[in-house]
Amino acid sequence: MQMRTTVRTPEEMLRFGRGLAGLLRAGDLVLLSGELGAGKTTLTRGLGDSLGVRGPVASPTFVIARVHPSLVGGPALVHVDAYRLGGGLDEMEDLELDVSLESSVVVVEWGEGKVEELSENRLHVTIERAVGEQLDTAATVEAAEDVRTVTVEAVGDRWHSEDLAVLA
């Protein structure tokens, strides 16, 4: 199951994250892929806003992982930057996160090929900068720099009953 949408501004990326949060529950794994500056952390900030977690949600690049506890009785948000994790799951276990991954929403930037074994049910979210014919002819160069194509691919039985089209 897959959906694709265009996100034109950072504010729209925040809204997309908030909408995606409406589909998530404890135990969910979300893998974010996209080049540097694509909007992975902005999307995660929207997730955190909607999940009602303690913030601010910021890039975990230098700390590798941040745990944002819920302020509203929902799941915690575990935000991981796997860019520097070469060993995949072994290094994830070494992080000694003080939270149960089964009771949290886990978002892993740069996680593709490294942490899929955490769950057979997951979302792969790919963020790409729109170029060429993907842009409206009226788009200015400045505005075009913010345009992204977001693709969400659902893997596993958990997602069979969810309608990803609500994100478009």
Protein backbone atom coordinates (compact mmCIF):
# COMPACT_ATOMS: atom_id res chain seq x y z
CA MET A 1 0.00 0.00 0.00
CA GLN A 2 1.42 3.36 -1.02
CA MET A 3 0.39 7.01 -1.32
CA ARG A 4 2.15 10.06 -2.75
CA THR A 5 1.50 13.76 -2.23
CA THR A 6 3.12 17.12 -2.87
CA VAL A 7 4.12 19.33 0.05
CA ARG A 8 4.86 22.94 -0.94
CA THR A 9 6.04 24.62 2.25
CA PRO A 10 7.57 23.76 5.63
CA GLU A 11 4.19 24.61 7.20
CA GLU A 12 2.54 22.00 4.95
CA MET A 13 5.19 19.47 6.04
CA LEU A 14 4.25 20.18 9.67
CA ARG A 15 0.57 19.63 8.79
CA PHE A 16 1.47 16.42 6.97
CA GLY A 17 3.25 15.19 10.12
CA ARG A 18 0.24 16.10 12.24
CA GLY A 19 -2.02 14.15 9.88
CA LEU A 20 0.29 11.15 9.88
CA ALA A 21 0.26 11.16 13.69
CA GLY A 22 -3.49 10.54 13.53
CA LEU A 23 -2.76 7.11 12.02
CA LEU A 24 -0.04 6.12 14.48
CA ARG A 25 -0.28 4.20 17.73
CA ALA A 26 2.10 2.71 20.27
CA GLY A 27 4.48 0.20 18.70
CA ASP A 28 4.53 1.84 15.27
CA LEU A 29 7.81 2.28 13.41
CA VAL A 30 8.29 5.05 10.85
CA LEU A 31 11.42 5.18 8.69
CA LEU A 32 12.20 8.56 7.13
CA SER A 33 14.38 8.85 4.04
CA GLY A 34 15.45 11.94 2.15
CA GLU A 35 18.47 14.07 1.54
CA LEU A 36 19.83 16.51 4.08
CA GLY A 37 17.32 19.35 4.52
CA ALA A 38 14.46 17.43 2.89
CA GLY A 39 12.11 17.98 5.85
CA LYS A 40 12.44 14.80 7.91
CA THR A 41 12.76 16.65 11.22
CA THR A 42 10.00 19.12 10.26
CA LEU A 43 7.67 16.17 9.60
CA THR A 44 8.67 14.65 12.96
CA ARG A 45 7.98 17.98 14.68
CA GLY A 46 4.42 17.78 13.30
CA LEU A 47 4.11 14.23 14.65
CA GLY A 48 5.24 15.42 18.07
CA ASP A 49 2.78 18.33 18.02
CA SER A 50 -0.14 16.05 17.29
CA LEU A 51 0.97 13.27 19.66
CA GLY A 52 1.21 15.82 22.48
CA VAL A 53 4.76 15.03 23.51
CA ARG A 54 7.21 17.10 25.51
CA GLY A 55 9.34 19.08 23.12
CA PRO A 56 10.78 20.76 21.36
CA VAL A 57 11.32 18.10 18.72
CA ALA A 58 14.69 18.83 17.13
CA SER A 59 17.13 16.89 15.00
CA PRO A 60 18.80 14.15 17.05
CA THR A 61 21.90 14.22 14.82
CA PHE A 62 24.44 14.74 17.57
CA VAL A 63 22.71 12.77 20.33
CA ILE A 64 21.51 10.01 17.97
CA ALA A 65 18.20 9.50 19.84
CA ARG A 66 15.74 11.58 21.83
CA VAL A 67 12.79 10.35 23.82
CA HIS A 68 9.84 12.75 24.01
CA PRO A 69 7.42 11.56 26.73
CA SER A 70 3.72 12.10 26.21
CA LEU A 71 2.09 14.98 28.04
CA VAL A 72 -1.40 13.66 27.31
CA GLY A 73 -1.23 9.97 28.26
CA GLY A 74 -0.39 8.72 24.77
CA PRO A 75 2.70 6.99 23.45
CA ALA A 76 6.14 8.57 23.78
CA LEU A 77 7.89 9.66 20.59
CA VAL A 78 11.34 8.13 20.12
CA HIS A 79 13.20 10.15 17.48
CA VAL A 80 16.37 8.50 16.16
CA ASP A 81 18.96 9.69 13.65
CA ALA A 82 20.55 6.49 12.30
CA TYR A 83 22.93 8.29 9.93
CA ARG A 84 25.93 7.46 12.13
CA LEU A 85 24.69 3.99 13.13
CA GLY A 86 26.69 1.50 11.13
CA GLY A 87 25.70 -1.58 13.11
CA GLY A 88 21.93 -1.24 12.81
CA LEU A 89 19.96 -2.98 15.54
CA ASP A 90 23.01 -3.78 17.67
CA GLU A 91 23.80 -0.08 18.00
CA MET A 92 20.11 0.73 18.62
CA GLU A 93 20.19 -1.64 21.62
CA ASP A 94 23.40 0.04 22.83
CA LEU A 95 21.53 3.37 23.03
CA GLU A 96 19.82 2.06 26.18
CA LEU A 97 16.69 4.07 25.57
CA ASP A 98 14.76 4.45 28.81
CA VAL A 99 11.48 3.60 27.14
CA SER A 100 9.80 0.48 25.78
CA LEU A 101 9.72 0.64 21.99
CA GLU A 102 6.44 -1.31 22.05
CA SER A 103 4.76 1.50 23.97
CA SER A 104 6.19 4.30 21.81
CA VAL A 105 6.01 5.66 18.28
CA VAL A 106 9.52 5.22 16.89
CA VAL A 107 10.68 7.52 14.08
CA VAL A 108 14.06 6.77 12.54
CA GLU A 109 15.70 9.20 10.15
CA TRP A 110 18.16 7.50 7.77
CA GLY A 111 16.92 4.13 9.06
CA GLU A 112 16.40 2.32 5.78
CA GLY A 113 18.53 -0.82 5.64
CA LYS A 114 19.39 -0.52 9.35
CA VAL A 115 16.38 -0.97 11.64
CA GLU A 116 13.62 -2.69 9.67
CA GLU A 117 13.96 -5.71 11.97
CA LEU A 118 12.48 -3.65 14.82
CA SER A 119 9.03 -4.35 13.35
CA GLU A 120 7.48 -6.26 10.49
CA ASN A 121 4.83 -3.51 10.44
CA ARG A 122 6.22 -0.11 9.48
CA LEU A 123 5.86 2.94 7.33
CA HIS A 124 8.58 4.02 4.93
CA VAL A 125 8.30 7.76 4.27
CA THR A 126 10.48 9.13 1.47
CA ILE A 127 10.81 12.88 0.97
CA GLU A 128 12.20 14.13 -2.35
CA ARG A 129 12.71 17.62 -3.65
CA ALA A 130 10.44 18.24 -6.64
CA VAL A 131 12.25 19.22 -9.83
CA GLY A 132 11.50 20.02 -13.45
CA GLU A 133 8.05 19.05 -14.64
CA GLN A 134 6.95 18.17 -11.09
CA LEU A 135 6.67 21.91 -10.39
CA ASP A 136 3.76 24.15 -11.38
CA THR A 137 4.75 26.49 -14.22
CA ALA A 138 3.85 29.46 -12.01
CA ALA A 139 6.22 28.38 -9.22
CA THR A 140 9.07 30.77 -8.61
CA VAL A 141 12.59 29.51 -8.07
CA GLU A 142 12.42 30.46 -4.40
CA ALA A 143 9.10 28.70 -3.84
CA ALA A 144 10.28 25.69 -5.85
CA GLU A 145 13.04 25.05 -3.32
CA ASP A 146 10.42 24.15 -0.67
CA VAL A 147 8.35 21.79 -2.86
CA ARG A 148 8.64 18.14 -1.83
CA THR A 149 7.11 14.89 -3.00
CA VAL A 150 6.29 12.69 -0.02
CA THR A 151 5.74 8.97 -0.58
CA VAL A 152 4.40 6.77 2.21
CA GLU A 153 4.68 3.01 1.80
CA ALA A 154 3.00 0.75 4.34
CA VAL A 155 4.59 -2.61 5.13
CA GLY A 156 2.87 -5.35 7.13
CA ASP A 157 -0.60 -6.45 8.20
CA ARG A 158 -1.00 -3.58 10.67
CA TRP A 159 -1.61 -1.18 7.79
CA HIS A 160 -4.19 -3.19 5.79
CA SER A 161 -7.13 -1.47 7.51
CA GLU A 162 -5.66 2.06 7.38
CA ASP A 163 -6.49 4.48 4.58
CA LEU A 164 -3.29 6.30 3.67
CA ALA A 165 -5.26 8.43 1.20
CA VAL A 166 -6.33 10.65 4.12
CA LEU A 167 -2.78 12.03 4.06
CA ALA A 168 -3.03 13.38 0.50
